[in-house]
Amino acid sequence: MERFELLKAVAVPLDESNVDTDQICPARLIRVFAEPGRHDDVFMHDRRFDEDGSARPTFVLNRPVYAGARIIVAQRNFGVGSSREAAVMAMSAAGFRAVVAESFGDIFVNNCLKNGLLPVQFIQLIDPVTRQLVASGLGAQVAASGWLLAPNSLEQASYGPVIFLLGILGSFALAYLLVRWFYHGRMRRGRPWACGFPWGNARMQDTAEGFGQPIRQIFEPLFLMKRDLPSPFDERPRYRVTVEDPFWRWIYLPIVNLANHLARLFGLMQQGRISVYLMYSFVTLAATLLAVM
């Protein structure tokens, strides 16, 4: 890719809007870029040439005065349509290095920066002046437009640092004016500690309890909490919070009680004399015989 620093060349006016990528590079000619050789006739092929391949003298790109032009001056929405990179490749093959328009297709701009073609968006108010000067070339005019918001680096597609510096300074100035306008210079002073409360003492200090209280209030429906609050007249106040899990009381504790009760019953069966165990065996055998009969 040829490094882009300064371009001084003849500009050709393409006085049209909505020039899409299908016009810039017809779909049937995309495959030619995979073959070696010159492809300078691909750009705007269907509009520059007749069906027999002869050039159309009335088309602006075929006029002798614009021979060797390297800059295109168009209107709005240049490069819209399909996101084919071959459109930019066709322009580069035709010798163009920059295109000036009111607006571009978003993907077309990215493809331009990747292929060494500089897209410059100019202000609509200077459009009539640009068209009057196009006959004598736009090299000096394009070079003098460095203050416009245009990419200046193909490697990073960055923008002029002066533009961003002025934008940042303007934003700070606007914020300062808005604050001064709405705040009217009023000032509130307070003590740096105790949230500005002037009568703070040791009993009003922030504790871990104070930081944990909002979380407890959020999850209070899921727990059983008991609070012991002191009265305002206690000389030695104490504050206590007891948190219990309701699921333990309603689910796990009944299961534990049932398991203990069954364990006590089985414990009674495992205690006693040999005669008691023989009686258990006799009763079990009798019950089995009755069930079988």
Protein backbone atom coordinates (compact mmCIF):
# COMPACT_ATOMS: atom_id res chain seq x y z
CA MET A 1 0.00 0.00 0.00
CA GLU A 2 1.34 3.40 -0.97
CA ARG A 3 1.80 5.71 1.98
CA PHE A 4 -0.64 8.62 2.00
CA GLU A 5 0.80 11.97 3.13
CA LEU A 6 -0.12 14.77 0.69
CA LEU A 7 -2.10 14.60 -2.54
CA LYS A 8 -2.09 17.30 -5.20
CA ALA A 9 -3.96 16.26 -8.31
CA VAL A 10 -6.83 17.05 -10.65
CA ALA A 11 -10.31 16.33 -9.30
CA VAL A 12 -13.16 15.07 -11.44
CA PRO A 13 -16.71 16.16 -10.48
CA LEU A 14 -19.21 13.32 -10.30
CA ASP A 15 -22.29 15.47 -9.84
CA GLU A 16 -24.56 12.70 -8.57
CA SER A 17 -25.95 11.32 -5.33
CA ASN A 18 -26.44 7.72 -4.22
CA VAL A 19 -23.65 6.25 -6.34
CA ASP A 20 -23.70 2.69 -5.04
CA THR A 21 -21.06 -0.01 -5.21
CA ASP A 22 -22.88 -1.78 -8.04
CA GLN A 23 -22.21 1.23 -10.25
CA ILE A 24 -18.63 1.59 -9.02
CA CYS A 25 -17.82 -2.07 -9.66
CA PRO A 26 -20.36 -4.33 -11.41
CA ALA A 27 -20.79 -7.71 -9.74
CA ARG A 28 -19.70 -9.68 -12.81
CA LEU A 29 -16.30 -7.93 -12.81
CA ILE A 30 -15.34 -8.66 -9.21
CA ARG A 31 -13.48 -11.83 -10.15
CA VAL A 32 -11.03 -9.98 -12.42
CA PHE A 33 -9.10 -8.72 -9.40
CA ALA A 34 -8.01 -12.30 -8.72
CA GLU A 35 -6.13 -12.25 -12.03
CA PRO A 36 -2.87 -10.38 -12.66
CA GLY A 37 -2.77 -7.36 -14.93
CA ARG A 38 -4.24 -3.87 -15.19
CA HIS A 39 -7.85 -3.35 -14.20
CA ASP A 40 -8.25 0.38 -14.70
CA ASP A 41 -11.36 -0.10 -16.84
CA VAL A 42 -13.43 -1.74 -14.08
CA PHE A 43 -14.34 1.48 -12.29
CA MET A 44 -17.81 2.66 -13.47
CA HIS A 45 -17.44 0.26 -16.40
CA ASP A 46 -21.10 0.08 -17.41
CA ARG A 47 -21.36 3.86 -17.51
CA ARG A 48 -17.99 4.61 -19.09
CA PHE A 49 -18.19 2.10 -21.95
CA ASP A 50 -20.77 0.89 -24.44
CA GLU A 51 -21.61 -2.75 -25.01
CA ASP A 52 -18.95 -3.00 -27.72
CA GLY A 53 -16.29 -1.66 -25.33
CA SER A 54 -15.96 1.82 -26.84
CA ALA A 55 -15.71 4.74 -24.43
CA ARG A 56 -18.63 7.11 -24.09
CA PRO A 57 -17.30 10.62 -24.73
CA THR A 58 -20.17 12.30 -22.91
CA PHE A 59 -19.40 10.63 -19.59
CA VAL A 60 -17.41 12.90 -17.27
CA LEU A 61 -14.64 10.38 -16.57
CA ASN A 62 -13.90 10.07 -20.29
CA ARG A 63 -13.36 13.79 -20.91
CA PRO A 64 -9.78 14.71 -21.79
CA VAL A 65 -9.69 17.61 -19.32
CA TYR A 66 -9.96 15.11 -16.45
CA ALA A 67 -7.35 12.70 -17.75
CA GLY A 68 -5.08 11.63 -14.94
CA ALA A 69 -7.50 12.77 -12.23
CA ARG A 70 -6.86 11.21 -8.85
CA ILE A 71 -9.64 12.83 -6.81
CA ILE A 72 -13.40 12.30 -7.13
CA VAL A 73 -15.84 14.98 -5.96
CA ALA A 74 -19.35 13.57 -5.49
CA GLN A 75 -22.52 14.38 -3.61
CA ARG A 76 -24.18 12.50 -0.76
CA ASN A 77 -24.30 8.74 -0.09
CA PHE A 78 -21.29 7.78 -2.15
CA GLY A 79 -20.45 4.07 -1.92
CA VAL A 80 -23.74 2.87 -0.46
CA GLY A 81 -25.16 -0.55 -1.23
CA SER A 82 -23.47 -3.91 -0.93
CA SER A 83 -20.31 -4.18 1.12
CA ARG A 84 -18.01 -5.24 -1.71
CA GLU A 85 -14.37 -4.35 -1.23
CA ALA A 86 -13.85 -4.65 -4.99
CA ALA A 87 -15.49 -1.23 -5.43
CA VAL A 88 -12.58 0.45 -3.66
CA MET A 89 -10.11 -1.77 -5.48
CA ALA A 90 -11.62 -0.64 -8.79
CA MET A 91 -11.17 3.02 -7.84
CA SER A 92 -7.58 2.42 -6.79
CA ALA A 93 -6.88 0.53 -10.03
CA ALA A 94 -8.20 3.53 -11.98
CA GLY A 95 -5.64 5.75 -10.22
CA PHE A 96 -7.85 7.51 -7.68
CA ARG A 97 -6.44 8.16 -4.21
CA ALA A 98 -9.16 10.29 -2.60
CA VAL A 99 -12.90 10.83 -2.82
CA VAL A 100 -14.67 13.93 -1.48
CA ALA A 101 -18.39 13.71 -0.79
CA GLU A 102 -21.07 14.92 1.62
CA SER A 103 -21.58 11.44 3.07
CA PHE A 104 -20.43 7.86 2.51
CA GLY A 105 -21.59 4.34 3.13
CA ASP A 106 -20.27 3.09 6.47
CA ILE A 107 -18.68 -0.09 5.15
CA PHE A 108 -17.33 1.77 2.12
CA VAL A 109 -15.32 4.07 4.42
CA ASN A 110 -13.72 1.09 6.18
CA ASN A 111 -12.83 -0.50 2.86
CA CYS A 112 -11.29 2.78 1.67
CA LEU A 113 -9.02 3.03 4.69
CA LYS A 114 -7.86 -0.57 4.27
CA ASN A 115 -6.98 -0.10 0.60
CA GLY A 116 -5.22 3.27 0.68
CA LEU A 117 -8.11 5.42 -0.53
CA LEU A 118 -8.84 8.52 1.55
CA PRO A 119 -12.52 9.44 2.03
CA VAL A 120 -12.96 13.12 2.92
CA GLN A 121 -16.35 14.41 3.99
CA PHE A 122 -16.75 18.13 3.30
CA ILE A 123 -19.31 20.61 4.63
CA GLN A 124 -22.36 21.13 2.47
CA LEU A 125 -22.11 24.91 2.78
CA ILE A 126 -18.89 25.06 0.72
CA ASP A 127 -20.26 22.76 -1.98
CA PRO A 128 -20.97 25.58 -4.53
CA VAL A 129 -17.47 27.02 -4.10
CA THR A 130 -15.88 23.59 -4.61
CA ARG A 131 -17.78 23.03 -7.83
CA GLN A 132 -16.69 26.38 -9.22
CA LEU A 133 -13.02 25.56 -8.51
CA VAL A 134 -13.06 21.98 -9.76
CA ALA A 135 -12.13 22.91 -13.33
CA SER A 136 -8.72 24.14 -12.16
CA GLY A 137 -8.04 21.25 -9.81
CA LEU A 138 -8.72 20.67 -6.11
CA GLY A 139 -5.22 19.81 -4.92
CA ALA A 140 -4.64 23.01 -2.95
CA GLN A 141 -8.20 23.09 -1.66
CA VAL A 142 -8.15 19.51 -0.40
CA ALA A 143 -4.72 20.00 1.18
CA ALA A 144 -5.97 23.14 2.94
CA SER A 145 -8.92 21.24 4.44
CA GLY A 146 -6.86 19.62 7.17
CA TRP A 147 -9.09 21.17 9.81
CA LEU A 148 -11.99 19.00 8.66
CA LEU A 149 -12.80 15.86 10.60
CA ALA A 150 -11.15 13.42 8.21
CA PRO A 151 -8.93 10.33 8.74
CA ASN A 152 -5.25 11.12 8.52
CA SER A 153 -3.72 7.67 9.06
CA LEU A 154 -4.45 4.56 7.04
CA GLU A 155 -2.85 2.27 9.60
CA GLN A 156 -5.09 3.35 12.47
CA ALA A 157 -7.86 5.32 10.74
CA SER A 158 -7.34 7.98 13.38
CA TYR A 159 -8.53 11.55 13.30
CA GLY A 160 -6.74 14.86 13.69
CA PRO A 161 -5.60 15.31 17.31
CA VAL A 162 -6.23 19.04 17.12
CA ILE A 163 -9.89 18.37 16.34
CA PHE A 164 -10.26 16.13 19.37
CA LEU A 165 -8.35 18.55 21.61
CA LEU A 166 -10.67 21.38 20.59
CA GLY A 167 -13.68 19.14 21.10
CA ILE A 168 -12.57 18.14 24.60
CA LEU A 169 -11.80 21.73 25.57
CA GLY A 170 -15.18 22.83 24.19
CA SER A 171 -16.94 20.12 26.22
CA PHE A 172 -15.21 21.22 29.43
CA ALA A 173 -16.06 24.84 28.73
CA LEU A 174 -19.70 23.99 28.05
CA ALA A 175 -19.95 21.94 31.26
CA TYR A 176 -18.38 24.78 33.25
CA LEU A 177 -20.82 27.32 31.83
CA LEU A 178 -23.82 25.07 32.49
CA VAL A 179 -22.76 24.50 36.10
CA ARG A 180 -22.20 28.20 36.65
CA TRP A 181 -25.52 29.02 35.01
CA PHE A 182 -27.70 26.59 36.97
CA TYR A 183 -25.80 26.56 40.26
CA HIS A 184 -25.64 30.38 40.57
CA GLY A 185 -22.44 30.23 42.58
CA ARG A 186 -24.16 28.84 45.70
CA MET A 187 -21.94 27.00 48.15
CA ARG A 188 -22.74 24.64 50.99
CA ARG A 189 -20.23 24.15 53.77
CA GLY A 190 -20.22 21.38 56.34
CA ARG A 191 -17.94 19.39 58.59
CA PRO A 192 -16.01 16.74 56.68
CA TRP A 193 -17.01 14.00 59.12
CA ALA A 194 -20.41 12.79 60.36
CA CYS A 195 -21.96 13.61 56.95
CA GLY A 196 -21.97 17.31 57.78
CA PHE A 197 -24.00 16.87 60.99
CA PRO A 198 -22.55 19.41 63.46
CA TRP A 199 -23.51 17.65 66.69
CA GLY A 200 -21.84 14.28 66.18
CA ASN A 201 -20.57 12.29 69.16
CA ALA A 202 -19.25 8.83 69.96
CA ARG A 203 -22.75 7.32 70.08
CA MET A 204 -23.41 8.39 66.52
CA GLN A 205 -20.39 6.77 64.92
CA ASP A 206 -20.77 4.42 61.96
CA THR A 207 -20.44 0.74 62.85
CA ALA A 208 -20.60 -2.57 61.03
CA GLU A 209 -24.21 -2.81 62.17
CA GLY A 210 -25.05 0.35 60.27
CA PHE A 211 -23.45 -0.91 57.06
CA GLY A 212 -25.17 -4.31 57.31
CA GLN A 213 -28.64 -2.98 58.06
CA PRO A 214 -29.67 -2.30 54.42
CA ILE A 215 -28.75 -5.85 53.40
CA ARG A 216 -30.76 -7.29 56.29
CA GLN A 217 -33.78 -5.22 55.35
CA ILE A 218 -33.62 -6.52 51.78
CA PHE A 219 -33.49 -10.18 52.87
CA GLU A 220 -35.73 -9.76 55.94
CA PRO A 221 -38.68 -11.71 54.40
CA LEU A 222 -36.44 -14.79 54.15
CA PHE A 223 -35.27 -14.77 57.79
CA LEU A 224 -36.68 -14.47 61.31
CA MET A 225 -35.09 -11.48 63.05
CA LYS A 226 -35.39 -10.43 66.66
CA ARG A 227 -34.17 -6.99 67.65
CA ASP A 228 -33.48 -5.81 71.18
CA LEU A 229 -33.50 -2.03 70.97
CA PRO A 230 -32.43 0.18 73.89
CA SER A 231 -34.46 3.13 75.01
CA PRO A 232 -33.19 6.69 74.59
CA PHE A 233 -32.68 6.93 78.35
CA ASP A 234 -30.41 3.89 78.84
CA GLU A 235 -27.09 4.92 80.27
CA ARG A 236 -25.43 1.79 78.92
CA PRO A 237 -27.42 0.92 75.82
CA ARG A 238 -27.08 -2.42 74.08
CA TYR A 239 -28.34 -3.36 70.69
CA ARG A 240 -28.77 -6.99 69.71
CA VAL A 241 -30.08 -8.64 66.55
CA THR A 242 -30.76 -12.38 66.34
CA VAL A 243 -31.21 -13.90 62.91
CA GLU A 244 -32.78 -17.34 62.46
CA ASP A 245 -33.38 -19.39 59.37
CA PRO A 246 -37.12 -20.19 59.00
CA PHE A 247 -36.38 -23.15 56.75
CA TRP A 248 -34.51 -24.78 59.61
CA ARG A 249 -37.54 -24.46 61.88
CA TRP A 250 -40.15 -25.50 59.30
CA ILE A 251 -38.32 -28.20 57.32
CA TYR A 252 -35.11 -29.47 58.85
CA LEU A 253 -36.09 -29.37 62.55
CA PRO A 254 -39.26 -31.57 62.13
CA ILE A 255 -37.18 -34.12 60.20
CA VAL A 256 -34.59 -34.15 62.97
CA ASN A 257 -37.28 -34.64 65.65
CA LEU A 258 -38.84 -37.52 63.67
CA ALA A 259 -35.47 -39.18 63.26
CA ASN A 260 -34.79 -38.91 67.02
CA HIS A 261 -38.21 -40.37 67.87
CA LEU A 262 -37.68 -43.36 65.57
CA ALA A 263 -34.22 -43.86 67.01
CA ARG A 264 -35.65 -44.05 70.52
CA LEU A 265 -38.22 -46.66 69.42
CA PHE A 266 -35.60 -48.83 67.77
CA GLY A 267 -33.46 -48.41 70.88
CA LEU A 268 -36.23 -49.87 73.06
CA MET A 269 -36.48 -52.87 70.75
CA GLN A 270 -32.76 -53.52 71.02
CA GLN A 271 -32.83 -53.57 74.82
CA GLY A 272 -34.15 -56.41 77.04
CA ARG A 273 -33.75 -60.10 77.93
CA ILE A 274 -33.51 -63.15 75.66
CA SER A 275 -37.08 -64.10 76.48
CA VAL A 276 -38.30 -60.81 75.03
CA TYR A 277 -36.45 -61.43 71.73
CA LEU A 278 -37.91 -64.97 71.57
CA MET A 279 -41.35 -63.48 72.07
CA TYR A 280 -40.70 -61.06 69.16
CA SER A 281 -39.71 -64.01 66.98
CA PHE A 282 -42.78 -66.05 67.96
CA VAL A 283 -45.16 -63.14 67.27
CA THR A 284 -43.52 -62.47 63.91
CA LEU A 285 -43.80 -66.17 62.91
CA ALA A 286 -47.44 -66.34 63.97
CA ALA A 287 -48.29 -63.21 62.04
CA THR A 288 -46.55 -64.59 58.94
CA LEU A 289 -48.49 -67.89 59.14
CA LEU A 290 -51.77 -66.06 59.50
CA ALA A 291 -50.98 -63.89 56.52
CA VAL A 292 -50.12 -66.94 54.38
CA MET A 293 -53.22 -68.89 55.37
